[in-house]
């Protein structure tokens, strides 16, 4: 591309951005996003951070917070020393309730501009919002009518997890499914590990294996009744609790961790990390093998991100919360 042609495209992009600014100032965020997008397309590889940042603000106004985060990330990448990029991204993260990450951005912004009162006020707002949500969460815990032992275990071990790692349990599953766990782990050891945030009602093992390209599933209750080989089986462990809160904390704590006593070993002689999913108990028949695409509560989360795969990826208008990735995937979805 010649220099003259590049300058022409950048001038056209600037004019489109000015028009987008006018729409944004008048509250017409849909058209503003449209013209910011055209301006970004004109820039090509010579992207300008302010176009992404302004589009992020418009998307945030329309409650497309996840899309706004993508644009804010692009702005930070293009201008890593610009205090406004970190400030705007912190606002997006606050809207997504990612308070710790938002505070991290504000700390960077404070280093760049240490005397900025606006950044200090935003940091204070995040702290206040975190405290309010913690109080709200404690009240919500009480609303589940947890028994004293469960409530005590969650309260005592609350410090073991970070709020950003806690998945939402929009279907109120009372159980979890654990993958990459050894089939010969004693039940007593499973109880010791997985009762950290509440008492266990029931433990069930299931083995999935393939024979002549056919899928098989066998559930057993006594590990001595089946001795599969590591090459032919994929053991799953189902743990049922008495409430939908304990599974949330259990997933948040154990997700991605490795324990020599629990984990399988791969072909490279490395321990596989645990993978946990929400699962219905035998009492939750309505969730066992089928459920509608939409949960019983209002949520902006993407159903497909939570279960199998979202083809829209960054273009999806619904939230893609990292702790909730595939967390609702059930075994019957892959048969």
Protein backbone atom coordinates (compact mmCIF):
# COMPACT_ATOMS: atom_id res chain seq x y z
CA UNK A 1 0.00 0.00 0.00
CA UNK A 2 1.40 3.40 -0.99
CA UNK A 3 1.84 6.15 1.57
CA UNK A 4 -0.72 8.36 -0.18
CA UNK A 5 -3.33 5.59 -0.18
CA UNK A 6 -2.69 4.88 3.49
CA UNK A 7 -3.08 8.55 4.39
CA UNK A 8 -6.33 8.69 2.39
CA UNK A 9 -7.75 5.71 4.32
CA UNK A 10 -6.73 7.24 7.64
CA UNK A 11 -8.41 10.56 6.73
CA UNK A 12 -11.58 8.67 5.78
CA UNK A 13 -11.38 6.76 9.07
CA UNK A 14 -11.05 10.01 10.99
CA UNK A 15 -14.15 11.44 9.29
CA UNK A 16 -16.10 8.27 10.11
CA UNK A 17 -14.94 8.47 13.73
CA UNK A 18 -16.07 12.10 13.98
CA UNK A 19 -19.50 11.08 12.73
CA UNK A 20 -19.53 8.22 15.24
CA UNK A 21 -18.65 10.70 18.01
CA UNK A 22 -21.66 12.82 17.08
CA UNK A 23 -23.99 9.82 17.27
CA UNK A 24 -22.50 8.80 20.62
CA UNK A 25 -22.94 12.28 22.09
CA UNK A 26 -26.61 12.19 21.04
CA UNK A 27 -27.12 8.82 22.68
CA UNK A 28 -27.47 6.91 19.40
CA UNK A 29 -25.03 4.16 20.37
CA UNK A 30 -26.11 1.69 17.67
CA UNK A 31 -25.14 4.04 14.84
CA UNK A 32 -22.06 5.13 16.77
CA UNK A 33 -20.87 1.52 16.93
CA UNK A 34 -21.60 1.15 13.23
CA UNK A 35 -19.39 4.11 12.26
CA UNK A 36 -16.61 3.27 14.73
CA UNK A 37 -16.53 -0.19 13.14
CA UNK A 38 -16.21 1.34 9.67
CA UNK A 39 -13.44 3.60 10.92
CA UNK A 40 -11.57 0.61 12.36
CA UNK A 41 -11.98 -1.30 9.08
CA UNK A 42 -10.51 1.65 7.14
CA UNK A 43 -7.45 1.68 9.38
CA UNK A 44 -6.62 -1.93 8.70
CA UNK A 45 -3.31 -2.84 10.34
CA UNK A 46 -2.80 0.81 11.34
CA UNK A 47 -5.50 0.65 13.98
CA UNK A 48 -6.05 3.64 16.28
CA UNK A 49 -6.66 2.84 19.95
CA UNK A 50 -9.25 5.61 20.48
CA UNK A 51 -11.62 4.05 17.94
CA UNK A 52 -11.66 0.80 19.92
CA UNK A 53 -11.94 2.65 23.22
CA UNK A 54 -14.88 4.77 22.09
CA UNK A 55 -16.64 1.74 20.64
CA UNK A 56 -16.09 -0.05 23.95
CA UNK A 57 -17.83 2.81 25.77
CA UNK A 58 -20.81 2.60 23.42
CA UNK A 59 -21.06 -1.16 23.85
CA UNK A 60 -20.87 -0.70 27.61
CA UNK A 61 -23.77 1.77 27.43
CA UNK A 62 -25.80 -0.91 25.58
CA UNK A 63 -24.90 -3.56 28.20
CA UNK A 64 -22.75 -5.58 25.76
CA UNK A 65 -20.05 -5.78 28.39
CA UNK A 66 -18.24 -8.79 27.02
CA UNK A 67 -17.89 -7.18 23.57
CA UNK A 68 -16.76 -3.97 25.28
CA UNK A 69 -14.04 -5.92 27.06
CA UNK A 70 -12.71 -7.19 23.72
CA UNK A 71 -12.42 -3.60 22.43
CA UNK A 72 -10.88 -2.38 25.67
CA UNK A 73 -8.26 -5.12 25.43
CA UNK A 74 -7.47 -4.02 21.89
CA UNK A 75 -7.07 -0.41 23.04
CA UNK A 76 -4.66 -1.44 25.81
CA UNK A 77 -2.66 -3.49 23.32
CA UNK A 78 -2.37 -0.57 20.90
CA UNK A 79 -1.56 2.04 23.56
CA UNK A 80 -0.13 0.33 26.67
CA UNK A 81 0.97 3.61 28.29
CA UNK A 82 -2.36 5.38 27.92
CA UNK A 83 -4.05 5.86 31.28
CA UNK A 84 -7.51 6.18 29.73
CA UNK A 85 -7.29 2.66 28.25
CA UNK A 86 -6.80 1.11 31.68
CA UNK A 87 -9.45 3.31 33.25
CA UNK A 88 -12.10 2.36 30.67
CA UNK A 89 -11.19 -1.32 30.85
CA UNK A 90 -11.54 -1.19 34.64
CA UNK A 91 -15.08 0.13 34.19
CA UNK A 92 -15.91 -2.74 31.85
CA UNK A 93 -14.42 -5.25 34.29
CA UNK A 94 -16.39 -3.70 37.14
CA UNK A 95 -19.59 -4.19 35.12
CA UNK A 96 -18.59 -7.83 34.62
CA UNK A 97 -18.00 -8.09 38.39
CA UNK A 98 -14.32 -8.87 37.85
CA UNK A 99 -13.33 -6.55 40.67
CA UNK A 100 -9.84 -7.87 41.26
CA UNK A 101 -8.87 -7.44 37.60
CA UNK A 102 -10.45 -3.99 37.56
CA UNK A 103 -8.35 -2.95 40.56
CA UNK A 104 -5.23 -4.27 38.82
CA UNK A 105 -5.92 -1.96 35.86
CA UNK A 106 -6.46 0.99 38.18
CA UNK A 107 -3.14 0.29 39.90
CA UNK A 108 -1.40 0.47 36.53
CA UNK A 109 -3.30 3.67 35.73
CA UNK A 110 -2.21 5.18 39.07
CA UNK A 111 1.43 4.46 38.25
CA UNK A 112 1.05 6.29 34.94
CA UNK A 113 -0.95 9.16 36.45
CA UNK A 114 -0.45 9.11 40.25
CA UNK A 115 -2.41 12.29 41.01
CA UNK A 116 -5.59 11.47 39.09
CA UNK A 117 -8.59 11.89 41.39
CA UNK A 118 -10.97 10.18 38.93
CA UNK A 119 -8.98 6.94 39.17
CA UNK A 120 -9.01 7.10 42.98
CA UNK A 121 -12.79 7.56 42.97
CA UNK A 122 -13.26 4.61 40.60
CA UNK A 123 -11.11 2.44 42.87
CA UNK A 124 -13.25 3.45 45.84
CA UNK A 125 -16.44 2.61 43.92
CA UNK A 126 -15.11 -0.86 43.13
CA UNK A 127 -14.22 -1.46 46.77
CA UNK A 128 -17.68 -0.38 47.88
CA UNK A 129 -19.35 -2.53 45.23
CA UNK A 130 -17.26 -5.54 46.28
CA UNK A 131 -18.32 -5.09 49.90
CA UNK A 132 -21.99 -4.74 48.94
CA UNK A 133 -21.87 -7.87 46.79
CA UNK A 134 -20.12 -9.81 49.54
CA UNK A 135 -22.92 -8.85 51.94
CA UNK A 136 -25.49 -9.76 49.29
CA UNK A 137 -23.77 -13.10 48.73
CA UNK A 138 -23.82 -13.86 52.45
CA UNK A 139 -27.54 -13.08 52.52
CA UNK A 140 -28.06 -15.30 49.47
CA UNK A 141 -26.23 -18.13 51.22
CA UNK A 142 -28.69 -17.85 54.08
CA UNK A 143 -31.61 -17.99 51.65
CA UNK A 144 -30.54 -21.49 50.57
CA UNK A 145 -31.35 -22.69 54.08
CA UNK A 146 -27.99 -24.42 54.43
CA UNK A 147 -27.51 -26.56 57.49
CA UNK A 148 -25.12 -25.28 60.14
CA UNK A 149 -22.27 -27.62 59.16
CA UNK A 150 -22.34 -26.60 55.48
CA UNK A 151 -22.57 -22.90 56.27
CA UNK A 152 -19.68 -23.23 58.74
CA UNK A 153 -17.50 -25.09 56.21
CA UNK A 154 -18.09 -22.46 53.52
CA UNK A 155 -17.43 -19.61 55.95
CA UNK A 156 -14.21 -21.17 57.29
CA UNK A 157 -12.82 -22.11 53.86
CA UNK A 158 -14.06 -19.07 51.96
CA UNK A 159 -10.51 -17.67 51.85
CA UNK A 160 -9.31 -20.65 49.77
CA UNK A 161 -10.96 -19.37 46.60
CA UNK A 162 -11.08 -16.11 44.69
CA UNK A 163 -14.44 -14.60 43.88
CA UNK A 164 -13.49 -14.39 40.19
CA UNK A 165 -13.12 -18.22 40.08
CA UNK A 166 -16.60 -18.92 41.46
CA UNK A 167 -18.94 -20.20 38.72
CA UNK A 168 -22.61 -19.36 38.74
CA UNK A 169 -24.97 -22.31 39.23
CA UNK A 170 -27.94 -21.08 37.20
CA UNK A 171 -29.62 -24.51 37.10
CA UNK A 172 -29.16 -25.11 40.85
CA UNK A 173 -27.39 -28.42 40.34
CA UNK A 174 -26.73 -30.26 43.60
CA UNK A 175 -23.95 -32.41 42.18
CA UNK A 176 -20.66 -32.32 40.32
CA UNK A 177 -18.90 -34.57 37.82
CA UNK A 178 -15.15 -34.97 38.20
CA UNK A 179 -12.99 -36.04 35.24
CA UNK A 180 -9.34 -37.19 35.08
CA UNK A 181 -9.61 -38.87 38.45
CA UNK A 182 -8.15 -42.34 39.04
CA UNK A 183 -10.67 -45.17 39.12
CA UNK A 184 -9.04 -46.79 42.16
CA UNK A 185 -9.17 -43.81 44.53
CA UNK A 186 -10.68 -45.01 47.84
CA UNK A 187 -14.08 -43.58 48.72
CA UNK A 188 -12.73 -42.46 52.09
CA UNK A 189 -10.09 -40.30 50.37
CA UNK A 190 -12.70 -38.80 48.04
CA UNK A 191 -14.77 -37.87 51.07
CA UNK A 192 -11.81 -36.20 52.73
CA UNK A 193 -11.03 -34.06 49.70
CA UNK A 194 -14.44 -33.15 48.33
CA UNK A 195 -16.29 -32.41 51.57
CA UNK A 196 -14.28 -29.22 52.04
CA UNK A 197 -17.31 -26.96 51.48
CA UNK A 198 -20.15 -29.23 52.58
CA UNK A 199 -21.12 -32.77 53.49
CA UNK A 200 -21.44 -35.34 50.71
CA UNK A 201 -24.75 -37.12 50.23
CA UNK A 202 -23.65 -39.77 47.72
CA UNK A 203 -20.69 -40.79 45.53
CA UNK A 204 -21.09 -42.66 42.26
CA UNK A 205 -18.52 -43.80 39.71
CA UNK A 206 -19.16 -44.07 35.98
CA UNK A 207 -16.95 -45.38 33.19
CA UNK A 208 -17.23 -44.38 29.58
CA UNK A 209 -15.43 -46.41 26.97
CA UNK A 210 -15.43 -47.00 23.23
CA UNK A 211 -15.82 -50.35 21.54
CA UNK A 212 -16.02 -50.60 17.74
CA UNK A 213 -16.73 -46.87 17.55
CA UNK A 214 -19.71 -47.17 19.88
CA UNK A 215 -20.14 -45.17 23.05
CA UNK A 216 -20.83 -47.04 26.28
CA UNK A 217 -21.55 -45.80 29.74
CA UNK A 218 -21.57 -47.96 32.84
CA UNK A 219 -22.30 -46.70 36.33
CA UNK A 220 -21.07 -48.62 39.34
CA UNK A 221 -21.21 -48.11 43.05
CA UNK A 222 -18.37 -50.39 44.11
CA UNK A 223 -14.99 -49.92 42.55
CA UNK A 224 -14.19 -53.62 42.84
CA UNK A 225 -17.01 -54.50 40.43
CA UNK A 226 -15.14 -53.10 37.44
CA UNK A 227 -11.42 -52.83 36.77
CA UNK A 228 -11.01 -50.94 33.51
CA UNK A 229 -7.66 -50.29 31.93
CA UNK A 230 -6.51 -46.70 31.53
CA UNK A 231 -6.42 -47.10 27.76
CA UNK A 232 -10.00 -48.28 27.36
CA UNK A 233 -11.89 -46.24 29.90
CA UNK A 234 -12.48 -42.68 30.96
CA UNK A 235 -13.54 -42.73 34.61
CA UNK A 236 -15.92 -40.09 35.86
CA UNK A 237 -16.84 -39.44 39.45
CA UNK A 238 -20.23 -38.09 40.46
CA UNK A 239 -20.49 -36.42 43.86
CA UNK A 240 -23.89 -35.38 45.15
CA UNK A 241 -24.40 -32.74 47.83
CA UNK A 242 -27.41 -31.50 49.75
CA UNK A 243 -27.53 -28.00 48.20
CA UNK A 244 -26.52 -26.08 45.05
CA UNK A 245 -23.96 -23.84 46.80
CA UNK A 246 -21.37 -26.45 47.80
CA UNK A 247 -20.84 -27.52 44.13
CA UNK A 248 -20.00 -23.91 43.20
CA UNK A 249 -17.25 -23.63 45.82
CA UNK A 250 -15.99 -27.15 45.14
CA UNK A 251 -15.59 -26.43 41.41
CA UNK A 252 -13.91 -23.08 42.11
CA UNK A 253 -11.34 -24.69 44.41
CA UNK A 254 -10.54 -27.94 42.59
CA UNK A 255 -10.84 -26.83 38.95
CA UNK A 256 -7.53 -27.36 37.14
CA UNK A 257 -5.63 -28.60 40.19
CA UNK A 258 -3.54 -31.77 40.35
CA UNK A 259 -3.22 -34.14 43.30
CA UNK A 260 -0.99 -37.21 43.20
CA UNK A 261 -3.49 -39.17 45.26
CA UNK A 262 -6.38 -38.41 42.91
CA UNK A 263 -5.26 -37.67 39.37
CA UNK A 264 -4.69 -39.91 36.40
CA UNK A 265 -1.30 -40.03 34.67
CA UNK A 266 -1.04 -39.31 30.94
CA UNK A 267 1.24 -40.94 28.37
CA UNK A 268 4.03 -38.50 29.26
CA UNK A 269 3.90 -39.64 32.89
CA UNK A 270 2.43 -36.30 33.95
CA UNK A 271 -0.55 -35.93 36.26
CA UNK A 272 -3.71 -34.77 34.53
CA UNK A 273 -5.43 -31.78 36.11
CA UNK A 274 -8.92 -32.28 37.50
CA UNK A 275 -11.85 -31.12 35.38
CA UNK A 276 -15.13 -30.44 37.17
CA UNK A 277 -18.66 -29.86 35.87
CA UNK A 278 -22.05 -29.26 37.45
CA UNK A 279 -24.23 -32.38 37.45
CA UNK A 280 -27.79 -33.21 38.50
CA UNK A 281 -28.38 -35.67 41.31
CA UNK A 282 -30.65 -38.68 40.99
CA UNK A 283 -33.37 -36.58 42.65
CA UNK A 284 -33.16 -33.86 39.96
CA UNK A 285 -34.89 -35.94 37.29
CA UNK A 286 -35.93 -32.90 35.24
CA UNK A 287 -32.24 -32.04 34.66
CA UNK A 288 -30.93 -35.58 34.23
CA UNK A 289 -31.09 -36.12 30.47
CA UNK A 290 -32.76 -33.06 29.01
CA UNK A 291 -33.38 -29.42 29.72
CA UNK A 292 -34.52 -26.33 27.78
CA UNK A 293 -32.01 -23.90 26.31
CA UNK A 294 -32.94 -21.19 28.77
CA UNK A 295 -32.51 -21.37 32.55
CA UNK A 296 -35.34 -20.66 35.01
CA UNK A 297 -33.76 -17.31 35.99
CA UNK A 298 -32.85 -14.25 33.98
CA UNK A 299 -29.20 -14.35 32.96
CA UNK A 300 -27.00 -12.73 30.35
CA UNK A 301 -24.68 -15.71 30.19
CA UNK A 302 -24.21 -17.70 26.98
CA UNK A 303 -25.80 -21.15 27.21
CA UNK A 304 -23.44 -22.63 24.62
CA UNK A 305 -20.32 -21.23 26.34
CA UNK A 306 -21.48 -22.93 29.52
CA UNK A 307 -22.20 -26.27 27.82
CA UNK A 308 -20.42 -27.26 24.61
CA UNK A 309 -19.08 -24.51 22.34
CA UNK A 310 -20.12 -21.02 21.22
CA UNK A 311 -19.52 -20.52 17.50
CA UNK A 312 -19.91 -16.75 17.81
CA UNK A 313 -16.90 -16.47 20.12
CA UNK A 314 -16.07 -12.76 20.71
CA UNK A 315 -19.08 -11.69 18.60
CA UNK A 316 -21.55 -13.29 21.02
CA UNK A 317 -23.67 -10.64 22.79
CA UNK A 318 -24.00 -12.88 25.86
CA UNK A 319 -21.43 -13.11 28.66
CA UNK A 320 -18.59 -15.62 28.35
CA UNK A 321 -17.46 -15.85 31.97
CA UNK A 322 -14.21 -17.79 32.26
CA UNK A 323 -15.11 -19.83 35.40
CA UNK A 324 -18.29 -20.99 33.63
CA UNK A 325 -16.65 -22.32 30.45
CA UNK A 326 -18.18 -25.77 29.72
CA UNK A 327 -19.18 -26.02 33.38
CA UNK A 328 -22.70 -27.22 32.48
CA UNK A 329 -21.56 -29.80 29.90
CA UNK A 330 -23.32 -33.12 30.55
CA UNK A 331 -22.21 -36.55 29.38
CA UNK A 332 -25.34 -37.05 27.28
CA UNK A 333 -24.48 -33.96 25.20
CA UNK A 334 -21.53 -35.79 23.62
CA UNK A 335 -23.13 -39.13 22.86
